[in-house]
Amino acid sequence: MQRQVLGLDIGGANIKAATADGTFTQARYLPLWNQSFRLVEVLRDIVNNVESDFLAVTMTGELADCFESKQQGVQFICDAVLEVARSPHNVFVYRIDGDWIQPAQCGEQWNSVAASNWHAIATIAAASNPNQSNILLDIGSTTTDIIPLNSGAVVPHNLSDVDRLLNSQLLYWGIQRTPICALIEIADLDNRQIPLAREIFATTQDAFLITGDTTEDPDCYDTTDGKPATRQYAHARLARSVCECPTQFSIQDASTFAQQIKDRLVSLLDDGLSQVIQSMQQPPQQIILTGHGNFLTDMIELQLPIINLFSSERSRVAPAYAVAMLLEQHLEATH
């Protein structure tokens, strides 16, 4: 029977969607922490834009601080999905062990579905090359995942975010939303060691606009000052991070500062990769890459072949695409 599965990855800042056949992909910015009331509206718009028989759901948005607890966040997200679903019985929520449950079960089993999206990508990545040990590297706008894979299996037994933080399988930084002041303390500019202001004046997105690793988006206002994501405004935001007037902060200063930020992320990535590899029983043979921070891998110390798991459009919504494919496989096996 021909069926269409739509995957939904509902995060704290972005909602990602993709069909199992990859013909539809979409990423929508939605800051749950202050716009959770819009979740049903945005989900309905996505669902109504594509014909689908089943919804596959994964999430990380339950951590948003508009919720009193993760359990409340999971329940809120599941209720929103049910409100827009064409058939509530055809909604499946992905568990962190690779199984599925119905939304009505998520209130009691919230801990099994919270922050489960990394496992969906890792399961697809492991199956793509089942005869060797590899590493899945997913560099996103907010977080980076480093997942060991062994002979077609997802290795981690430390499934909670806390455990994954402790083992460097979850690095809580990304290429867009991470505050600069959380990454470095000193900017080395014109032979001066300038301490950064501990204020959210700029994010990694500003650094990569200056380096040219990400493209300008004049329609994007998801920035620290609410002004467009362009090099001009990124330059000003970086200047403020060292308490400098933007008119007195040269293009060279901005470029030097941005490169230092990039170098810092590469260093953190090298450290994370090293720790994860030390925990593996067999050394990895290659890095399987997804997300949209691919440009950082050009500078890492680890000399391994790198392959892309998905095309660029599907990689941007990788958790949604992965969970859609997994539900389609599950339905084929059980129906």
Protein backbone atom coordinates (compact mmCIF):
# COMPACT_ATOMS: atom_id res chain seq x y z
CA MET A 1 0.00 0.00 0.00
CA GLN A 2 1.31 3.44 -0.95
CA ARG A 3 1.57 5.70 2.08
CA GLN A 4 3.22 9.03 2.83
CA VAL A 5 4.92 9.70 6.15
CA LEU A 6 5.68 13.23 7.33
CA GLY A 7 8.40 13.58 9.95
CA LEU A 8 8.30 16.44 12.46
CA ASP A 9 11.26 17.45 14.62
CA ILE A 10 9.98 20.00 17.14
CA GLY A 11 12.84 21.89 18.76
CA GLY A 12 13.02 24.86 21.05
CA ALA A 13 13.92 27.27 18.25
CA ASN A 14 13.11 25.48 15.00
CA ILE A 15 10.49 23.12 13.67
CA LYS A 16 11.78 20.83 10.93
CA ALA A 17 9.66 18.74 8.62
CA ALA A 18 10.34 16.22 5.86
CA THR A 19 8.55 13.42 4.08
CA ALA A 20 10.04 9.95 4.02
CA ASP A 21 10.65 10.19 0.29
CA GLY A 22 12.50 13.48 0.75
CA THR A 23 10.36 15.39 -1.75
CA PHE A 24 9.21 17.85 0.93
CA THR A 25 11.52 19.56 3.41
CA GLN A 26 10.94 22.65 5.49
CA ALA A 27 12.51 24.41 8.48
CA ARG A 28 10.55 27.04 10.36
CA TYR A 29 11.89 29.31 13.08
CA LEU A 30 9.71 29.30 16.18
CA PRO A 31 11.15 30.33 19.56
CA LEU A 32 9.05 28.19 21.88
CA TRP A 33 10.30 30.00 24.96
CA ASN A 34 8.19 33.06 24.09
CA GLN A 35 5.92 31.88 21.25
CA SER A 36 4.70 28.47 22.36
CA PHE A 37 1.16 29.73 21.76
CA ARG A 38 1.95 29.66 18.02
CA LEU A 39 2.99 26.01 17.89
CA VAL A 40 -0.39 24.70 16.71
CA GLU A 41 -0.60 27.42 14.06
CA VAL A 42 2.84 26.64 12.62
CA LEU A 43 2.34 22.88 12.75
CA ARG A 44 -1.02 23.17 11.03
CA ASP A 45 0.52 25.25 8.26
CA ILE A 46 3.22 22.63 7.70
CA VAL A 47 0.84 19.67 7.80
CA ASN A 48 -1.60 21.36 5.42
CA ASN A 49 1.18 21.99 2.90
CA VAL A 50 1.85 18.33 2.17
CA GLU A 51 -0.27 15.24 1.70
CA SER A 52 0.57 12.73 4.42
CA ASP A 53 -1.07 9.67 5.95
CA PHE A 54 1.09 9.33 9.05
CA LEU A 55 3.03 11.71 11.30
CA ALA A 56 6.35 10.68 12.85
CA VAL A 57 7.30 12.96 15.74
CA THR A 58 10.53 13.62 17.59
CA MET A 59 11.43 16.55 19.79
CA THR A 60 13.89 18.56 21.85
CA GLY A 61 11.61 21.53 22.51
CA GLU A 62 10.51 20.14 25.86
CA LEU A 63 13.61 21.78 27.38
CA ALA A 64 12.36 25.30 26.54
CA ASP A 65 12.07 27.37 29.71
CA CYS A 66 8.44 28.25 29.07
CA PHE A 67 7.69 24.80 30.49
CA GLU A 68 7.91 24.02 34.19
CA SER A 69 9.31 20.57 33.45
CA LYS A 70 10.30 18.34 30.55
CA GLN A 71 7.20 16.26 31.20
CA GLN A 72 5.00 19.34 30.74
CA GLY A 73 6.92 20.23 27.57
CA VAL A 74 6.51 16.76 26.07
CA GLN A 75 2.79 16.79 26.82
CA PHE A 76 2.35 20.27 25.35
CA ILE A 77 4.12 19.30 22.12
CA CYS A 78 2.18 16.05 21.75
CA ASP A 79 -1.12 17.84 22.37
CA ALA A 80 -0.24 20.36 19.66
CA VAL A 81 0.54 17.62 17.16
CA LEU A 82 -2.72 15.83 17.93
CA GLU A 83 -4.65 19.04 17.35
CA VAL A 84 -3.36 19.34 13.77
CA ALA A 85 -3.24 15.66 12.84
CA ARG A 86 -5.76 14.42 10.30
CA SER A 87 -6.01 11.13 12.15
CA PRO A 88 -4.83 10.93 15.79
CA HIS A 89 -4.38 7.17 15.46
CA ASN A 90 -1.77 7.72 12.74
CA VAL A 91 0.56 9.80 14.93
CA PHE A 92 3.65 7.98 16.21
CA VAL A 93 6.19 9.46 18.64
CA TYR A 94 9.77 8.24 18.47
CA ARG A 95 11.33 6.80 21.60
CA ILE A 96 14.98 7.13 22.48
CA ASP A 97 15.38 3.36 22.24
CA GLY A 98 14.11 3.32 18.66
CA ASP A 99 10.58 2.18 19.45
CA TRP A 100 7.31 4.08 18.94
CA ILE A 101 4.45 5.12 21.18
CA GLN A 102 1.16 6.95 20.72
CA PRO A 103 0.91 10.57 21.91
CA ALA A 104 -1.53 9.57 24.65
CA GLN A 105 1.28 7.55 26.27
CA CYS A 106 3.79 10.38 26.27
CA GLY A 107 2.63 11.96 29.52
CA GLU A 108 3.68 8.91 31.52
CA GLN A 109 6.60 7.94 29.29
CA TRP A 110 7.90 11.49 28.72
CA ASN A 111 11.48 10.56 29.57
CA SER A 112 11.58 8.01 26.75
CA VAL A 113 10.71 10.55 24.04
CA ALA A 114 12.42 13.72 25.30
CA ALA A 115 15.47 14.71 23.23
CA SER A 116 15.19 11.62 21.04
CA ASN A 117 15.97 13.15 17.64
CA TRP A 118 19.70 12.35 17.65
CA HIS A 119 18.92 8.64 17.97
CA ALA A 120 16.80 8.70 14.81
CA ILE A 121 19.62 10.19 12.73
CA ALA A 122 22.15 7.81 14.26
CA THR A 123 19.98 4.78 13.46
CA ILE A 124 19.81 5.76 9.79
CA ALA A 125 23.53 6.54 9.71
CA ALA A 126 24.47 3.19 11.30
CA ALA A 127 22.34 1.28 8.80
CA SER A 128 23.92 3.14 5.87
CA ASN A 129 27.27 1.46 6.53
CA PRO A 130 26.65 -1.57 8.74
CA ASN A 131 29.99 -3.35 8.40
CA GLN A 132 32.33 -0.97 10.20
CA SER A 133 32.73 1.46 13.07
CA ASN A 134 32.01 5.09 12.25
CA ILE A 135 31.18 8.39 13.86
CA LEU A 136 28.04 10.39 13.15
CA LEU A 137 28.74 14.11 13.36
CA ASP A 138 25.70 16.38 13.30
CA ILE A 139 26.54 20.09 13.55
CA GLY A 140 23.43 22.22 13.91
CA SER A 141 22.42 25.76 14.74
CA THR A 142 22.26 25.14 18.50
CA THR A 143 23.98 21.83 19.31
CA THR A 144 26.47 19.34 17.94
CA ASP A 145 26.15 15.55 18.28
CA ILE A 146 29.07 13.11 18.10
CA ILE A 147 27.65 9.61 18.06
CA PRO A 148 29.76 6.42 17.91
CA LEU A 149 28.40 3.77 15.56
CA ASN A 150 29.51 0.17 15.53
CA SER A 151 28.66 -2.40 12.84
CA GLY A 152 25.21 -1.04 12.10
CA ALA A 153 24.32 -0.26 15.71
CA VAL A 154 24.07 2.98 17.68
CA VAL A 155 26.63 2.52 20.43
CA PRO A 156 25.66 4.98 23.19
CA HIS A 157 24.10 3.53 26.28
CA ASN A 158 24.12 6.97 27.93
CA LEU A 159 20.84 8.16 26.49
CA SER A 160 19.99 11.22 28.59
CA ASP A 161 21.22 14.65 27.58
CA VAL A 162 23.10 14.95 30.87
CA ASP A 163 24.99 11.70 30.26
CA ARG A 164 25.69 12.71 26.68
CA LEU A 165 27.06 16.07 27.84
CA LEU A 166 29.36 14.28 30.27
CA ASN A 167 30.68 12.02 27.51
CA SER A 168 31.05 14.72 24.82
CA GLN A 169 28.44 13.02 22.65
CA LEU A 170 26.42 16.22 23.03
CA LEU A 171 28.23 19.53 22.65
CA TYR A 172 25.90 22.38 23.47
CA TRP A 173 27.07 24.82 20.84
CA GLY A 174 26.14 25.37 17.22
CA ILE A 175 26.88 27.58 14.25
CA GLN A 176 24.05 30.05 14.70
CA ARG A 177 22.57 30.55 18.16
CA THR A 178 25.51 30.16 20.57
CA PRO A 179 26.50 33.39 22.39
CA ILE A 180 30.07 34.46 21.66
CA CYS A 181 30.68 35.26 25.33
CA ALA A 182 29.99 31.60 26.17
CA LEU A 183 32.83 30.46 23.90
CA ILE A 184 35.79 32.74 24.50
CA GLU A 185 36.88 35.13 27.23
CA ILE A 186 39.55 37.14 25.41
CA ALA A 187 39.70 38.68 21.94
CA ASP A 188 43.22 39.16 20.59
CA LEU A 189 43.00 42.36 18.52
CA ASP A 190 45.80 44.77 17.55
CA ASN A 191 48.16 43.23 20.11
CA ARG A 192 45.58 43.82 22.81
CA GLN A 193 44.01 41.11 24.93
CA ILE A 194 40.45 42.41 25.27
CA PRO A 195 38.13 40.65 27.72
CA LEU A 196 34.69 40.04 26.25
CA ALA A 197 31.59 41.61 27.71
CA ARG A 198 29.57 38.89 29.40
CA GLU A 199 26.47 39.97 27.57
CA ILE A 200 24.68 38.39 24.62
CA PHE A 201 25.72 40.99 22.07
CA ALA A 202 26.58 38.50 19.32
CA THR A 203 26.28 34.83 18.40
CA THR A 204 28.18 32.37 16.26
CA GLN A 205 25.95 33.30 13.32
CA ASP A 206 27.59 36.74 13.32
CA ALA A 207 31.07 35.25 13.22
CA PHE A 208 30.24 33.03 10.27
CA LEU A 209 28.55 35.85 8.39
CA ILE A 210 31.86 37.70 8.63
CA THR A 211 33.99 34.68 7.61
CA GLY A 212 31.63 34.00 4.71
CA ASP A 213 30.83 30.47 5.87
CA THR A 214 27.14 31.32 6.00
CA THR A 215 25.22 33.49 3.58
CA GLU A 216 23.46 36.73 4.40
CA ASP A 217 19.72 36.59 5.02
CA PRO A 218 18.19 40.09 5.16
CA ASP A 219 14.82 38.56 6.03
CA CYS A 220 16.15 36.81 9.14
CA TYR A 221 15.77 38.81 12.35
CA ASP A 222 16.67 35.98 14.73
CA THR A 223 19.65 37.95 16.01
CA THR A 224 20.67 39.42 19.35
CA ASP A 225 19.61 42.95 18.43
CA GLY A 226 16.68 42.05 16.19
CA LYS A 227 18.40 43.49 13.13
CA PRO A 228 18.99 41.52 9.92
CA ALA A 229 21.43 38.64 9.56
CA THR A 230 23.77 40.56 7.27
CA ARG A 231 27.49 41.25 7.42
CA GLN A 232 26.90 44.91 8.15
CA TYR A 233 24.91 44.22 11.30
CA ALA A 234 27.02 41.22 12.26
CA HIS A 235 30.04 43.54 12.24
CA ALA A 236 28.27 45.86 14.70
CA ARG A 237 27.20 42.99 16.95
CA LEU A 238 30.76 41.65 17.16
CA ALA A 239 32.06 45.15 17.94
CA ARG A 240 29.71 45.43 20.90
CA SER A 241 31.03 42.13 22.27
CA VAL A 242 34.29 43.92 23.10
CA CYS A 243 32.48 47.13 24.09
CA GLU A 244 33.68 48.87 20.94
CA CYS A 245 31.76 51.38 18.88
CA PRO A 246 30.92 49.74 15.53
CA THR A 247 32.29 52.77 13.65
CA GLN A 248 35.66 52.31 15.39
CA PHE A 249 35.83 48.54 14.83
CA SER A 250 37.55 47.88 11.52
CA ILE A 251 36.71 45.23 8.96
CA GLN A 252 40.06 43.64 9.78
CA ASP A 253 39.17 43.60 13.50
CA ALA A 254 35.88 41.86 12.69
CA SER A 255 37.58 39.30 10.45
CA THR A 256 40.28 38.54 13.01
CA PHE A 257 37.74 38.23 15.81
CA ALA A 258 35.46 36.00 13.74
CA GLN A 259 38.35 33.69 12.85
CA GLN A 260 39.24 33.35 16.53
CA ILE A 261 35.67 32.30 17.25
CA LYS A 262 35.78 29.76 14.43
CA ASP A 263 39.11 28.41 15.70
CA ARG A 264 37.59 28.01 19.16
CA LEU A 265 34.71 25.91 17.83
CA VAL A 266 37.10 23.72 15.85
CA SER A 267 39.15 23.21 19.01
CA LEU A 268 36.03 22.19 20.96
CA LEU A 269 35.06 19.86 18.14
CA ASP A 270 38.52 18.26 18.12
CA ASP A 271 38.32 17.71 21.88
CA GLY A 272 34.85 16.16 21.62
CA LEU A 273 35.84 13.85 18.79
CA SER A 274 38.94 12.74 20.69
CA GLN A 275 36.95 11.89 23.83
CA VAL A 276 34.30 9.96 21.93
CA ILE A 277 36.89 7.99 19.94
CA GLN A 278 38.68 7.01 23.16
CA SER A 279 35.44 5.46 24.38
CA MET A 280 35.01 3.28 21.28
CA GLN A 281 36.07 -0.35 21.26
CA GLN A 282 37.11 -0.09 17.61
CA PRO A 283 38.53 3.03 15.95
CA PRO A 284 36.17 4.71 13.49
CA GLN A 285 36.76 4.30 9.78
CA GLN A 286 34.97 7.44 8.64
CA ILE A 287 32.86 10.40 9.72
CA ILE A 288 29.25 10.42 8.57
CA LEU A 289 28.21 14.06 8.41
CA THR A 290 24.87 15.81 8.66
CA GLY A 291 23.54 19.16 9.85
CA HIS A 292 24.59 22.46 8.29
CA GLY A 293 27.93 23.19 9.94
CA ASN A 294 29.92 21.10 7.45
CA PHE A 295 32.48 23.85 6.90
CA LEU A 296 33.98 23.29 10.37
CA THR A 297 35.19 19.83 9.37
CA ASP A 298 37.68 21.35 6.92
CA MET A 299 39.84 22.35 9.89
CA ILE A 300 39.57 19.41 12.31
CA GLU A 301 42.67 17.44 13.26
CA LEU A 302 41.07 14.02 12.81
CA GLN A 303 42.14 12.66 9.43
CA LEU A 304 39.29 10.41 8.38
CA PRO A 305 37.21 10.17 5.22
CA ILE A 306 34.06 12.29 5.51
CA ILE A 307 30.82 11.41 3.76
CA ASN A 308 27.51 13.25 3.77
CA LEU A 309 24.55 11.23 5.01
CA PHE A 310 21.96 13.32 3.17
CA SER A 311 21.81 16.00 0.49
CA SER A 312 22.09 19.58 1.73
CA GLU A 313 18.34 20.27 1.87
CA ARG A 314 17.60 17.01 3.69
CA SER A 315 20.61 17.48 5.94
CA ARG A 316 19.17 20.77 7.21
CA VAL A 317 16.10 18.86 8.48
CA ALA A 318 17.94 15.61 9.19
CA PRO A 319 16.04 14.53 12.34
CA ALA A 320 12.66 15.00 10.65
CA TYR A 321 13.80 13.15 7.53
CA ALA A 322 15.32 10.33 9.58
CA VAL A 323 12.27 9.83 11.79
CA ALA A 324 9.99 9.79 8.74
CA MET A 325 12.09 7.08 7.11
CA LEU A 326 12.15 5.04 10.30
CA LEU A 327 8.37 5.17 10.69
CA GLU A 328 7.92 4.13 7.08
CA GLN A 329 10.18 1.13 7.73
CA HIS A 330 8.26 0.31 10.89
CA LEU A 331 4.91 0.44 9.09
CA GLU A 332 6.17 -1.77 6.29
CA ALA A 333 7.38 -4.32 8.82
CA THR A 334 4.20 -4.35 10.92
CA HIS A 335 1.39 -3.82 8.39
